[in-house]
C-alpha atoms as a PDB file:
ATOM      1  CA  MET A   1     -25.143  -0.264  -0.207  1.00  0.00           C
ATOM      2  CA  LEU A   2     -24.192   3.265  -1.361  1.00  0.00           C
ATOM      3  CA  PHE A   3     -20.676   2.588  -0.460  1.00  0.00           C
ATOM      4  CA  LEU A   4     -20.455  -0.540  -2.440  1.00  0.00           C
ATOM      5  CA  ALA A   5     -21.816   1.097  -5.594  1.00  0.00           C
ATOM      6  CA  PHE A   6     -19.290   3.884  -5.032  1.00  0.00           C
ATOM      7  CA  LEU A   7     -16.511   1.450  -4.457  1.00  0.00           C
ATOM      8  CA  THR A   8     -17.460  -0.549  -7.639  1.00  0.00           C
ATOM      9  CA  CYS A   9     -17.510   2.397  -9.633  1.00  0.00           C
ATOM     10  CA  LYS A  10     -14.187   3.851  -8.573  1.00  0.00           C
ATOM     11  CA  CYS A  11     -12.439   0.528  -8.546  1.00  0.00           C
ATOM     12  CA  PHE A  12     -13.435  -0.589 -12.013  1.00  0.00           C
ATOM     13  CA  SER A  13     -13.398   2.856 -13.705  1.00  0.00           C
ATOM     14  CA  GLN A  14     -10.037   3.994 -12.468  1.00  0.00           C
ATOM     15  CA  GLN A  15      -8.348   1.298 -10.793  1.00  0.00           C
ATOM     16  CA  TYR A  16      -5.132   3.239 -10.034  1.00  0.00           C
ATOM     17  CA  ILE A  17      -6.709   6.483  -8.760  1.00  0.00           C
ATOM     18  CA  TYR A  18      -6.024   5.978  -4.839  1.00  0.00           C
ATOM     19  CA  LEU A  19      -2.113   5.129  -5.321  1.00  0.00           C
ATOM     20  CA  GLU A  20       0.243   7.912  -4.229  1.00  0.00           C
ATOM     21  CA  THR A  21       2.712   8.362  -7.262  1.00  0.00           C
ATOM     22  CA  TYR A  22       5.971  10.031  -7.513  1.00  0.00           C
ATOM     23  CA  ASN A  23       8.475  11.126 -10.347  1.00  0.00           C
ATOM     24  CA  VAL A  24      10.491   7.908 -10.508  1.00  0.00           C
ATOM     25  CA  ASP A  25      13.286   9.662 -12.358  1.00  0.00           C
ATOM     26  CA  SER A  26      13.514  12.411  -9.687  1.00  0.00           C
ATOM     27  CA  LEU A  27      13.513   9.665  -6.861  1.00  0.00           C
ATOM     28  CA  LEU A  28      16.363   7.700  -8.672  1.00  0.00           C
ATOM     29  CA  LEU A  29      18.410  10.822  -8.962  1.00  0.00           C
ATOM     30  CA  VAL A  30      18.475  11.467  -4.983  1.00  0.00           C
ATOM     31  CA  LEU A  31      18.363   7.948  -3.763  1.00  0.00           C
ATOM     32  CA  PRO A  32      22.334   7.270  -4.233  1.00  0.00           C
ATOM     33  CA  ASP A  33      23.020  10.152  -1.569  1.00  0.00           C
ATOM     34  CA  GLN A  34      20.384   9.230   0.941  1.00  0.00           C
ATOM     35  CA  GLN A  35      20.829   7.505   4.344  1.00  0.00           C
ATOM     36  CA  ALA A  36      18.578   6.031   6.904  1.00  0.00           C
ATOM     37  CA  LYS A  37      14.854   7.148   7.149  1.00  0.00           C
ATOM     38  CA  ASP A  38      15.396   9.542   4.063  1.00  0.00           C
ATOM     39  CA  ARG A  39      16.584   6.599   2.015  1.00  0.00           C
ATOM     40  CA  ILE A  40      13.747   4.222   3.402  1.00  0.00           C
ATOM     41  CA  ASN A  41      10.892   6.846   2.378  1.00  0.00           C
ATOM     42  CA  THR A  42      12.519   7.165  -1.123  1.00  0.00           C
ATOM     43  CA  LEU A  43      12.708   3.371  -1.583  1.00  0.00           C
ATOM     44  CA  ASN A  44       8.888   3.036  -0.421  1.00  0.00           C
ATOM     45  CA  ARG A  45       8.042   5.961  -2.812  1.00  0.00           C
ATOM     46  CA  LEU A  46       9.662   4.239  -5.662  1.00  0.00           C
ATOM     47  CA  SER A  47       8.164   0.764  -4.753  1.00  0.00           C
ATOM     48  CA  ILE A  48       4.497   2.473  -4.765  1.00  0.00           C
ATOM     49  CA  SER A  49       5.083   4.293  -7.915  1.00  0.00           C
ATOM     50  CA  LEU A  50       6.028   1.050  -9.792  1.00  0.00           C
ATOM     51  CA  CYS A  51       3.630  -1.338  -8.073  1.00  0.00           C
ATOM     52  CA  TYR A  52       1.087  -1.586 -10.609  1.00  0.00           C
ATOM     53  CA  GLU A  53       3.322  -1.994 -13.751  1.00  0.00           C
ATOM     54  CA  LYS A  54       6.886  -3.095 -12.746  1.00  0.00           C
ATOM     55  CA  PHE A  55       6.450  -5.795 -10.196  1.00  0.00           C
ATOM     56  CA  ALA A  56       9.823  -7.040  -9.835  1.00  0.00           C
ATOM     57  CA  LYS A  57      11.407  -3.717  -9.450  1.00  0.00           C
ATOM     58  CA  SER A  58       8.727  -2.472  -7.008  1.00  0.00           C
ATOM     59  CA  GLU A  59       9.201  -5.540  -5.045  1.00  0.00           C
ATOM     60  CA  GLN A  60      12.938  -5.016  -5.078  1.00  0.00           C
ATOM     61  CA  TYR A  61      12.639  -1.421  -3.797  1.00  0.00           C
ATOM     62  CA  ALA A  62      10.168  -2.589  -0.974  1.00  0.00           C
ATOM     63  CA  THR A  63      12.345  -5.337   0.103  1.00  0.00           C
ATOM     64  CA  GLU A  64      15.395  -2.947   0.724  1.00  0.00           C
ATOM     65  CA  ALA A  65      13.165  -0.567   2.235  1.00  0.00           C
ATOM     66  CA  MET A  66      11.889  -3.332   4.698  1.00  0.00           C
ATOM     67  CA  ASN A  67      15.333  -4.581   5.401  1.00  0.00           C
ATOM     68  CA  LEU A  68      16.608  -1.019   6.071  1.00  0.00           C
ATOM     69  CA  ALA A  69      13.529  -0.018   8.273  1.00  0.00           C
ATOM     70  CA  LYS A  70      13.821  -3.097  10.341  1.00  0.00           C
ATOM     71  CA  GLU A  71      17.571  -2.566  10.879  1.00  0.00           C
ATOM     72  CA  LEU A  72      17.118   1.129  12.021  1.00  0.00           C
ATOM     73  CA  ASP A  73      13.846   0.071  13.827  1.00  0.00           C
ATOM     74  CA  TYR A  74      11.690   2.343  11.843  1.00  0.00           C
ATOM     75  CA  PRO A  75       8.035   1.307  12.332  1.00  0.00           C
ATOM     76  CA  GLU A  76       6.751   3.734   9.709  1.00  0.00           C
ATOM     77  CA  GLY A  77       8.996   2.480   7.164  1.00  0.00           C
ATOM     78  CA  ILE A  78       8.244  -1.030   7.839  1.00  0.00           C
ATOM     79  CA  ALA A  79       4.412  -0.363   7.627  1.00  0.00           C
ATOM     80  CA  ASP A  80       4.756   1.376   4.224  1.00  0.00           C
ATOM     81  CA  ALA A  81       7.001  -1.489   2.805  1.00  0.00           C
ATOM     82  CA  TYR A  82       4.155  -3.999   3.966  1.00  0.00           C
ATOM     83  CA  ARG A  83       1.356  -1.694   2.328  1.00  0.00           C
ATOM     84  CA  ASN A  84       3.578  -1.634  -0.696  1.00  0.00           C
ATOM     85  CA  PHE A  85       3.907  -5.502  -0.712  1.00  0.00           C
ATOM     86  CA  GLY A  86       0.097  -5.592  -0.651  1.00  0.00           C
ATOM     87  CA  HIS A  87      -0.144  -3.375  -3.535  1.00  0.00           C
ATOM     88  CA  ILE A  88       2.088  -5.523  -5.693  1.00  0.00           C
ATOM     89  CA  ALA A  89       0.088  -8.699  -4.667  1.00  0.00           C
ATOM     90  CA  PHE A  90      -3.174  -6.873  -5.439  1.00  0.00           C
ATOM     91  CA  PHE A  91      -2.048  -5.900  -8.954  1.00  0.00           C
ATOM     92  CA  ARG A  92      -0.952  -9.656  -9.313  1.00  0.00           C
ATOM     93  CA  SER A  93      -4.431 -10.684  -8.288  1.00  0.00           C
ATOM     94  CA  ASN A  94      -2.890 -12.523  -5.331  1.00  0.00           C
ATOM     95  CA  PHE A  95      -5.675 -11.167  -3.185  1.00  0.00           C
ATOM     96  CA  PRO A  96      -4.945 -13.485  -0.149  1.00  0.00           C
ATOM     97  CA  ASP A  97      -1.459 -12.095   0.177  1.00  0.00           C
ATOM     98  CA  ALA A  98      -2.545  -8.741  -0.412  1.00  0.00           C
ATOM     99  CA  LEU A  99      -4.890  -9.047   2.378  1.00  0.00           C
ATOM    100  CA  ASN A 100      -2.223 -10.385   4.628  1.00  0.00           C
ATOM    101  CA  TYR A 101       0.136  -7.446   3.805  1.00  0.00           C
ATOM    102  CA  TYR A 102      -2.364  -4.855   4.210  1.00  0.00           C
ATOM    103  CA  LEU A 103      -3.371  -6.075   7.715  1.00  0.00           C
ATOM    104  CA  GLU A 104       0.402  -6.147   8.630  1.00  0.00           C
ATOM    105  CA  SER A 105       0.656  -2.610   7.684  1.00  0.00           C
ATOM    106  CA  LEU A 106      -2.674  -1.855   9.342  1.00  0.00           C
ATOM    107  CA  GLN A 107      -1.455  -3.098  12.686  1.00  0.00           C
ATOM    108  CA  LEU A 108       1.670  -1.025  12.457  1.00  0.00           C
ATOM    109  CA  TYR A 109      -0.140   1.986  11.496  1.00  0.00           C
ATOM    110  CA  GLU A 110      -2.446   1.694  14.508  1.00  0.00           C
ATOM    111  CA  GLU A 111       0.402   1.428  16.684  1.00  0.00           C
ATOM    112  CA  GLN A 112       1.607   4.736  15.455  1.00  0.00           C
ATOM    113  CA  ASP A 113      -1.895   6.165  15.542  1.00  0.00           C
ATOM    114  CA  ARG A 114      -1.775   7.270  11.736  1.00  0.00           C
ATOM    115  CA  LYS A 115      -5.489   7.570  11.366  1.00  0.00           C
ATOM    116  CA  TYR A 116      -5.523   8.868   7.884  1.00  0.00           C
ATOM    117  CA  THR A 117      -3.307   6.234   6.594  1.00  0.00           C
ATOM    118  CA  MET A 118      -5.196   3.714   8.454  1.00  0.00           C
ATOM    119  CA  ALA A 119      -8.335   4.762   6.559  1.00  0.00           C
ATOM    120  CA  ARG A 120      -6.381   4.460   3.280  1.00  0.00           C
ATOM    121  CA  VAL A 121      -5.544   0.788   4.244  1.00  0.00           C
ATOM    122  CA  TYR A 122      -8.969  -0.078   5.142  1.00  0.00           C
ATOM    123  CA  PHE A 123      -9.957   1.105   1.748  1.00  0.00           C
ATOM    124  CA  ASP A 124      -7.309  -1.065   0.093  1.00  0.00           C
ATOM    125  CA  ILE A 125      -8.577  -4.180   2.256  1.00  0.00           C
ATOM    126  CA  ALA A 126     -12.212  -3.122   0.917  1.00  0.00           C
ATOM    127  CA  LYS A 127     -11.095  -2.842  -2.670  1.00  0.00           C
ATOM    128  CA  THR A 128      -9.296  -6.243  -2.413  1.00  0.00           C
ATOM    129  CA  HIS A 129     -12.265  -7.961  -1.009  1.00  0.00           C
ATOM    130  CA  LEU A 130     -14.309  -6.537  -3.870  1.00  0.00           C
ATOM    131  CA  PHE A 131     -12.092  -7.734  -6.389  1.00  0.00           C
ATOM    132  CA  ALA A 132     -12.071 -11.097  -4.740  1.00  0.00           C
ATOM    133  CA  ARG A 133     -15.859 -11.081  -4.659  1.00  0.00           C
ATOM    134  CA  ASN A 134     -16.142 -11.110  -1.079  1.00  0.00           C
ATOM    135  CA  TYR A 135     -19.004  -8.258  -1.219  1.00  0.00           C
ATOM    136  CA  GLU A 136     -20.010  -8.316   2.493  1.00  0.00           C
ATOM    137  CA  LYS A 137     -16.271  -7.899   3.640  1.00  0.00           C
ATOM    138  CA  ALA A 138     -15.828  -5.365   1.076  1.00  0.00           C
ATOM    139  CA  PHE A 139     -18.793  -3.250   2.398  1.00  0.00           C
ATOM    140  CA  TYR A 140     -17.781  -3.893   6.096  1.00  0.00           C
ATOM    141  CA  TYR A 141     -14.069  -2.724   5.349  1.00  0.00           C
ATOM    142  CA  GLY A 142     -15.426   0.156   3.213  1.00  0.00           C
ATOM    143  CA  ASN A 143     -17.630   1.576   5.936  1.00  0.00           C
ATOM    144  CA  ILE A 144     -14.542   1.483   8.546  1.00  0.00           C
ATOM    145  CA  ALA A 145     -12.458   3.381   5.972  1.00  0.00           C
ATOM    146  CA  LEU A 146     -15.307   6.100   5.649  1.00  0.00           C
ATOM    147  CA  ASP A 147     -15.535   6.470   9.641  1.00  0.00           C
END
């Protein structure tokens, strides 16, 4: 129950606190010269930096990152793009889609054994359930994130 109180305070007081953000202007400067994985990572960073206010632009960067990552068979880039799509859906209050994208990313992060990122995705899932008023599932996934 303590986790649920903590999650509620954090989510409602500072909704964006757990998003990694980057300097968009700097990323846009380096993007034209980048290739392969560097370009995918920059596109994903652009997407996450814009996902809570510029949905269409964020979705455009995530889509480009996803397409390039699939073309290059780069699982980390695919997982990051799925997570970005989840953030976009979350901030649009489309919680079912957000959960689907987060679960897709979680599966790929598990295959890569990226435990820290998995914990962050479990928190994303818990936060989404909280906003969707699925309190039992919010508590369940929140506890997994803390493990």
